[in-house]
């Protein structure tokens, strides 16, 4: 049996997620799931709000603390780099200021020997392959940060595919992720999916 819990809180950084008590709630749920002898996978994705409230290094320290706590609880942490900020330059390329935060997340994963899903790299590649106008249809209004319902489906599938690739064993899917071959194909080939 599998269960999923989303303890994300909008507009929080790694620091405010802890200081406002949200991390404590997450830890409580992790403990409860581990106590049921369930395989407990914990995804952690920050960067957007850390960029506005702290340094790359402070985010890295906070992520390291979270990862170590999760491991101490006998759960499996999975770090996820932040979704790309969709701001196109005149050259048709995305000029994304989140690169240092994505790289710091990868560094923490490497140093702590933790699973890493490079959502930043995958979403940057996909949005650039679509171009400014087509990728705009995945985001709210004219924004570059918040996704709409279509974006939730596309980028959610992207995370699912990254999870399958990272946790797969000899091509066997070990996670209870429902496949969507058409959407996965479209994403991997830069085809718009709305």
C-alpha atoms as a PDB file:
ATOM      1  CA  UNK A   1       0.000   0.000   0.000  1.00  0.00           C
ATOM      2  CA  UNK A   2       1.217   3.464  -0.853  1.00  0.00           C
ATOM      3  CA  UNK A   3       0.285   6.874   0.469  1.00  0.00           C
ATOM      4  CA  UNK A   4       1.345  10.363  -0.517  1.00  0.00           C
ATOM      5  CA  UNK A   5       1.463  13.512   1.569  1.00  0.00           C
ATOM      6  CA  UNK A   6       2.189  17.037   0.392  1.00  0.00           C
ATOM      7  CA  UNK A   7       3.516  19.236   3.179  1.00  0.00           C
ATOM      8  CA  UNK A   8       4.722  22.011   0.871  1.00  0.00           C
ATOM      9  CA  UNK A   9       3.803  25.542   1.897  1.00  0.00           C
ATOM     10  CA  UNK A  10       3.783  28.362  -0.683  1.00  0.00           C
ATOM     11  CA  UNK A  11       6.249  31.229  -0.292  1.00  0.00           C
ATOM     12  CA  UNK A  12       8.540  29.413   2.147  1.00  0.00           C
ATOM     13  CA  UNK A  13      12.294  29.079   1.949  1.00  0.00           C
ATOM     14  CA  UNK A  14      14.288  26.312   3.605  1.00  0.00           C
ATOM     15  CA  UNK A  15      14.730  28.664   6.563  1.00  0.00           C
ATOM     16  CA  UNK A  16      11.112  29.783   6.957  1.00  0.00           C
ATOM     17  CA  UNK A  17       9.807  26.254   6.373  1.00  0.00           C
ATOM     18  CA  UNK A  18      11.697  25.227   9.509  1.00  0.00           C
ATOM     19  CA  UNK A  19      11.218  28.407  11.575  1.00  0.00           C
ATOM     20  CA  UNK A  20       7.434  28.456  11.033  1.00  0.00           C
ATOM     21  CA  UNK A  21       7.043  24.837  12.173  1.00  0.00           C
ATOM     22  CA  UNK A  22       6.259  23.231   8.810  1.00  0.00           C
ATOM     23  CA  UNK A  23       9.322  20.973   8.905  1.00  0.00           C
ATOM     24  CA  UNK A  24       8.235  19.693  12.326  1.00  0.00           C
ATOM     25  CA  UNK A  25       4.876  18.661  10.808  1.00  0.00           C
ATOM     26  CA  UNK A  26       6.686  16.933   7.939  1.00  0.00           C
ATOM     27  CA  UNK A  27       8.934  15.035  10.359  1.00  0.00           C
ATOM     28  CA  UNK A  28       5.856  13.879  12.305  1.00  0.00           C
ATOM     29  CA  UNK A  29       4.325  12.408   9.129  1.00  0.00           C
ATOM     30  CA  UNK A  30       7.635  10.777   8.150  1.00  0.00           C
ATOM     31  CA  UNK A  31       7.909   9.149  11.588  1.00  0.00           C
ATOM     32  CA  UNK A  32       4.323   7.865  11.349  1.00  0.00           C
ATOM     33  CA  UNK A  33       4.919   6.323   7.918  1.00  0.00           C
ATOM     34  CA  UNK A  34       8.237   4.710   8.910  1.00  0.00           C
ATOM     35  CA  UNK A  35       6.552   3.300  12.043  1.00  0.00           C
ATOM     36  CA  UNK A  36       4.058   1.531   9.741  1.00  0.00           C
ATOM     37  CA  UNK A  37       7.048  -0.197   8.088  1.00  0.00           C
ATOM     38  CA  UNK A  38       6.319   1.590   4.823  1.00  0.00           C
ATOM     39  CA  UNK A  39       9.011   2.536   2.377  1.00  0.00           C
ATOM     40  CA  UNK A  40       9.005   6.294   2.918  1.00  0.00           C
ATOM     41  CA  UNK A  41      10.360   8.500   0.135  1.00  0.00           C
ATOM     42  CA  UNK A  42      10.575  12.215   0.935  1.00  0.00           C
ATOM     43  CA  UNK A  43      11.005  14.713  -1.891  1.00  0.00           C
ATOM     44  CA  UNK A  44      12.444  18.128  -1.049  1.00  0.00           C
ATOM     45  CA  UNK A  45      12.388  21.031  -3.509  1.00  0.00           C
ATOM     46  CA  UNK A  46      13.398  24.574  -2.641  1.00  0.00           C
ATOM     47  CA  UNK A  47      15.212  27.423  -4.345  1.00  0.00           C
ATOM     48  CA  UNK A  48      12.671  29.951  -5.592  1.00  0.00           C
ATOM     49  CA  UNK A  49      12.082  31.583  -2.226  1.00  0.00           C
ATOM     50  CA  UNK A  50      15.588  30.940  -0.898  1.00  0.00           C
ATOM     51  CA  UNK A  51      16.785  33.103  -3.784  1.00  0.00           C
ATOM     52  CA  UNK A  52      14.870  36.031  -2.269  1.00  0.00           C
ATOM     53  CA  UNK A  53      15.542  35.372   1.416  1.00  0.00           C
ATOM     54  CA  UNK A  54      19.035  34.012   1.850  1.00  0.00           C
ATOM     55  CA  UNK A  55      22.220  32.804   0.295  1.00  0.00           C
ATOM     56  CA  UNK A  56      22.908  29.730  -1.770  1.00  0.00           C
ATOM     57  CA  UNK A  57      25.109  28.492   1.069  1.00  0.00           C
ATOM     58  CA  UNK A  58      22.376  28.889   3.705  1.00  0.00           C
ATOM     59  CA  UNK A  59      19.973  26.898   1.542  1.00  0.00           C
ATOM     60  CA  UNK A  60      22.630  24.213   1.150  1.00  0.00           C
ATOM     61  CA  UNK A  61      23.150  23.975   4.907  1.00  0.00           C
ATOM     62  CA  UNK A  62      19.401  23.775   5.498  1.00  0.00           C
ATOM     63  CA  UNK A  63      18.958  21.069   2.842  1.00  0.00           C
ATOM     64  CA  UNK A  64      21.828  19.083   4.346  1.00  0.00           C
ATOM     65  CA  UNK A  65      20.180  19.234   7.772  1.00  0.00           C
ATOM     66  CA  UNK A  66      16.843  18.071   6.318  1.00  0.00           C
ATOM     67  CA  UNK A  67      18.451  15.221   4.371  1.00  0.00           C
ATOM     68  CA  UNK A  68      20.387  14.017   7.412  1.00  0.00           C
ATOM     69  CA  UNK A  69      17.246  14.105   9.573  1.00  0.00           C
ATOM     70  CA  UNK A  70      15.298  12.110   7.000  1.00  0.00           C
ATOM     71  CA  UNK A  71      18.036   9.480   6.865  1.00  0.00           C
ATOM     72  CA  UNK A  72      18.151   9.304  10.674  1.00  0.00           C
ATOM     73  CA  UNK A  73      14.412   8.578  10.585  1.00  0.00           C
ATOM     74  CA  UNK A  74      15.101   5.646   8.190  1.00  0.00           C
ATOM     75  CA  UNK A  75      13.313   7.301   5.280  1.00  0.00           C
ATOM     76  CA  UNK A  76      14.732   8.043   1.803  1.00  0.00           C
ATOM     77  CA  UNK A  77      15.329  11.688   0.885  1.00  0.00           C
ATOM     78  CA  UNK A  78      15.095  12.782  -2.743  1.00  0.00           C
ATOM     79  CA  UNK A  79      16.306  16.275  -3.597  1.00  0.00           C
ATOM     80  CA  UNK A  80      14.622  18.030  -6.511  1.00  0.00           C
ATOM     81  CA  UNK A  81      16.200  21.044  -8.196  1.00  0.00           C
ATOM     82  CA  UNK A  82      13.826  24.028  -8.595  1.00  0.00           C
ATOM     83  CA  UNK A  83      11.550  24.406 -11.596  1.00  0.00           C
ATOM     84  CA  UNK A  84      12.983  26.827 -14.148  1.00  0.00           C
ATOM     85  CA  UNK A  85      11.987  30.483 -14.094  1.00  0.00           C
ATOM     86  CA  UNK A  86      10.710  30.975 -17.634  1.00  0.00           C
ATOM     87  CA  UNK A  87      12.277  34.269 -18.719  1.00  0.00           C
ATOM     88  CA  UNK A  88      13.446  34.302 -22.296  1.00  0.00           C
ATOM     89  CA  UNK A  89      16.172  36.560 -23.605  1.00  0.00           C
ATOM     90  CA  UNK A  90      16.280  38.028 -27.104  1.00  0.00           C
ATOM     91  CA  UNK A  91      18.438  35.072 -28.157  1.00  0.00           C
ATOM     92  CA  UNK A  92      15.544  32.665 -27.487  1.00  0.00           C
ATOM     93  CA  UNK A  93      17.314  31.160 -24.484  1.00  0.00           C
ATOM     94  CA  UNK A  94      16.134  31.253 -20.886  1.00  0.00           C
ATOM     95  CA  UNK A  95      18.151  33.556 -18.651  1.00  0.00           C
ATOM     96  CA  UNK A  96      17.374  31.833 -15.365  1.00  0.00           C
ATOM     97  CA  UNK A  97      18.766  33.192 -12.117  1.00  0.00           C
ATOM     98  CA  UNK A  98      18.048  29.898 -10.307  1.00  0.00           C
ATOM     99  CA  UNK A  99      21.118  28.114 -11.682  1.00  0.00           C
ATOM    100  CA  UNK A 100      23.183  28.636  -8.477  1.00  0.00           C
ATOM    101  CA  UNK A 101      20.356  27.207  -6.340  1.00  0.00           C
ATOM    102  CA  UNK A 102      19.923  24.225  -8.658  1.00  0.00           C
ATOM    103  CA  UNK A 103      23.677  23.595  -8.563  1.00  0.00           C
ATOM    104  CA  UNK A 104      23.740  23.854  -4.756  1.00  0.00           C
ATOM    105  CA  UNK A 105      20.951  21.276  -4.552  1.00  0.00           C
ATOM    106  CA  UNK A 106      23.033  18.931  -6.735  1.00  0.00           C
ATOM    107  CA  UNK A 107      26.074  19.562  -4.539  1.00  0.00           C
ATOM    108  CA  UNK A 108      24.137  18.658  -1.393  1.00  0.00           C
ATOM    109  CA  UNK A 109      22.871  15.484  -3.105  1.00  0.00           C
ATOM    110  CA  UNK A 110      26.410  14.511  -4.091  1.00  0.00           C
ATOM    111  CA  UNK A 111      27.881  15.251  -0.660  1.00  0.00           C
ATOM    112  CA  UNK A 112      25.123  13.398   1.219  1.00  0.00           C
ATOM    113  CA  UNK A 113      24.813  10.564  -1.318  1.00  0.00           C
ATOM    114  CA  UNK A 114      21.151  11.383  -1.870  1.00  0.00           C
ATOM    115  CA  UNK A 115      18.895  10.830  -4.869  1.00  0.00           C
ATOM    116  CA  UNK A 116      18.661  13.934  -7.087  1.00  0.00           C
ATOM    117  CA  UNK A 117      16.016  14.809  -9.664  1.00  0.00           C
ATOM    118  CA  UNK A 118      17.170  17.601 -11.960  1.00  0.00           C
ATOM    119  CA  UNK A 119      13.807  19.246 -12.574  1.00  0.00           C
ATOM    120  CA  UNK A 120      15.588  22.522 -13.265  1.00  0.00           C
ATOM    121  CA  UNK A 121      17.607  21.080 -16.135  1.00  0.00           C
ATOM    122  CA  UNK A 122      14.696  19.104 -17.567  1.00  0.00           C
ATOM    123  CA  UNK A 123      12.224  22.011 -17.356  1.00  0.00           C
ATOM    124  CA  UNK A 124      14.752  24.450 -18.830  1.00  0.00           C
ATOM    125  CA  UNK A 125      15.392  22.118 -21.772  1.00  0.00           C
ATOM    126  CA  UNK A 126      11.670  21.559 -22.345  1.00  0.00           C
ATOM    127  CA  UNK A 127      10.670  25.232 -22.107  1.00  0.00           C
ATOM    128  CA  UNK A 128      13.504  26.305 -24.402  1.00  0.00           C
ATOM    129  CA  UNK A 129      12.541  23.644 -26.943  1.00  0.00           C
ATOM    130  CA  UNK A 130       8.956  24.969 -26.896  1.00  0.00           C
ATOM    131  CA  UNK A 131       9.976  28.619 -27.048  1.00  0.00           C
ATOM    132  CA  UNK A 132       8.555  31.622 -25.232  1.00  0.00           C
ATOM    133  CA  UNK A 133       5.015  31.634 -26.620  1.00  0.00           C
ATOM    134  CA  UNK A 134       4.299  27.903 -26.394  1.00  0.00           C
ATOM    135  CA  UNK A 135       5.858  27.467 -22.942  1.00  0.00           C
ATOM    136  CA  UNK A 136       3.869  30.465 -21.662  1.00  0.00           C
ATOM    137  CA  UNK A 137       0.746  28.278 -21.911  1.00  0.00           C
ATOM    138  CA  UNK A 138       2.066  26.193 -18.986  1.00  0.00           C
ATOM    139  CA  UNK A 139       2.385  29.177 -16.645  1.00  0.00           C
ATOM    140  CA  UNK A 140      -0.192  31.407 -14.953  1.00  0.00           C
ATOM    141  CA  UNK A 141      -1.010  34.565 -16.893  1.00  0.00           C
ATOM    142  CA  UNK A 142       2.110  36.164 -18.275  1.00  0.00           C
ATOM    143  CA  UNK A 143       4.160  34.896 -15.346  1.00  0.00           C
ATOM    144  CA  UNK A 144       7.446  33.067 -15.354  1.00  0.00           C
ATOM    145  CA  UNK A 145       7.300  31.277 -11.990  1.00  0.00           C
ATOM    146  CA  UNK A 146       3.848  29.895 -11.122  1.00  0.00           C
ATOM    147  CA  UNK A 147       2.395  27.159 -13.297  1.00  0.00           C
ATOM    148  CA  UNK A 148      -1.255  26.732 -14.235  1.00  0.00           C
ATOM    149  CA  UNK A 149      -3.190  23.437 -14.273  1.00  0.00           C
ATOM    150  CA  UNK A 150      -1.657  22.439 -17.614  1.00  0.00           C
ATOM    151  CA  UNK A 151       1.797  23.151 -16.224  1.00  0.00           C
ATOM    152  CA  UNK A 152       1.053  21.076 -13.118  1.00  0.00           C
ATOM    153  CA  UNK A 153       0.250  18.096 -15.331  1.00  0.00           C
ATOM    154  CA  UNK A 154       3.283  18.513 -17.600  1.00  0.00           C
ATOM    155  CA  UNK A 155       5.841  19.257 -14.883  1.00  0.00           C
ATOM    156  CA  UNK A 156       4.278  16.660 -12.570  1.00  0.00           C
ATOM    157  CA  UNK A 157       4.786  14.085 -15.318  1.00  0.00           C
ATOM    158  CA  UNK A 158       8.340  15.335 -15.715  1.00  0.00           C
ATOM    159  CA  UNK A 159       9.020  14.670 -12.020  1.00  0.00           C
ATOM    160  CA  UNK A 160       7.373  11.230 -12.299  1.00  0.00           C
ATOM    161  CA  UNK A 161       9.607  10.366 -15.257  1.00  0.00           C
ATOM    162  CA  UNK A 162      12.698  11.614 -13.415  1.00  0.00           C
ATOM    163  CA  UNK A 163      11.696   9.464 -10.411  1.00  0.00           C
ATOM    164  CA  UNK A 164      11.243   6.408 -12.608  1.00  0.00           C
ATOM    165  CA  UNK A 165      14.616   6.985 -14.248  1.00  0.00           C
ATOM    166  CA  UNK A 166      16.378   7.489 -10.917  1.00  0.00           C
ATOM    167  CA  UNK A 167      14.759   4.602  -9.045  1.00  0.00           C
ATOM    168  CA  UNK A 168      14.434   2.202 -11.990  1.00  0.00           C
ATOM    169  CA  UNK A 169      16.335  -1.079 -11.883  1.00  0.00           C
ATOM    170  CA  UNK A 170      17.134  -2.682 -15.222  1.00  0.00           C
ATOM    171  CA  UNK A 171      14.137  -0.933 -16.727  1.00  0.00           C
ATOM    172  CA  UNK A 172      11.746  -2.271 -14.082  1.00  0.00           C
ATOM    173  CA  UNK A 173       9.573   0.377 -12.479  1.00  0.00           C
ATOM    174  CA  UNK A 174       9.912   0.057  -8.710  1.00  0.00           C
ATOM    175  CA  UNK A 175       7.580   2.917  -7.805  1.00  0.00           C
ATOM    176  CA  UNK A 176       3.783   3.090  -8.023  1.00  0.00           C
ATOM    177  CA  UNK A 177       3.823   5.729 -10.754  1.00  0.00           C
ATOM    178  CA  UNK A 178       1.151   5.397 -13.418  1.00  0.00           C
ATOM    179  CA  UNK A 179       2.725   5.708 -16.873  1.00  0.00           C
ATOM    180  CA  UNK A 180       1.587   8.241 -19.454  1.00  0.00           C
ATOM    181  CA  UNK A 181       3.647   7.226 -22.467  1.00  0.00           C
ATOM    182  CA  UNK A 182       2.249   9.905 -24.775  1.00  0.00           C
ATOM    183  CA  UNK A 183       2.974  12.781 -22.401  1.00  0.00           C
ATOM    184  CA  UNK A 184       6.381  11.343 -21.480  1.00  0.00           C
ATOM    185  CA  UNK A 185       7.225  11.053 -25.187  1.00  0.00           C
ATOM    186  CA  UNK A 186       6.088  14.620 -25.882  1.00  0.00           C
ATOM    187  CA  UNK A 187       8.169  15.992 -23.013  1.00  0.00           C
ATOM    188  CA  UNK A 188      11.287  14.060 -24.005  1.00  0.00           C
ATOM    189  CA  UNK A 189      10.916  15.227 -27.615  1.00  0.00           C
ATOM    190  CA  UNK A 190      10.071  18.880 -26.914  1.00  0.00           C
ATOM    191  CA  UNK A 191       6.510  18.598 -28.195  1.00  0.00           C
ATOM    192  CA  UNK A 192       3.917  20.998 -26.705  1.00  0.00           C
ATOM    193  CA  UNK A 193       1.436  19.211 -24.457  1.00  0.00           C
ATOM    194  CA  UNK A 194      -1.650  21.050 -23.328  1.00  0.00           C
END
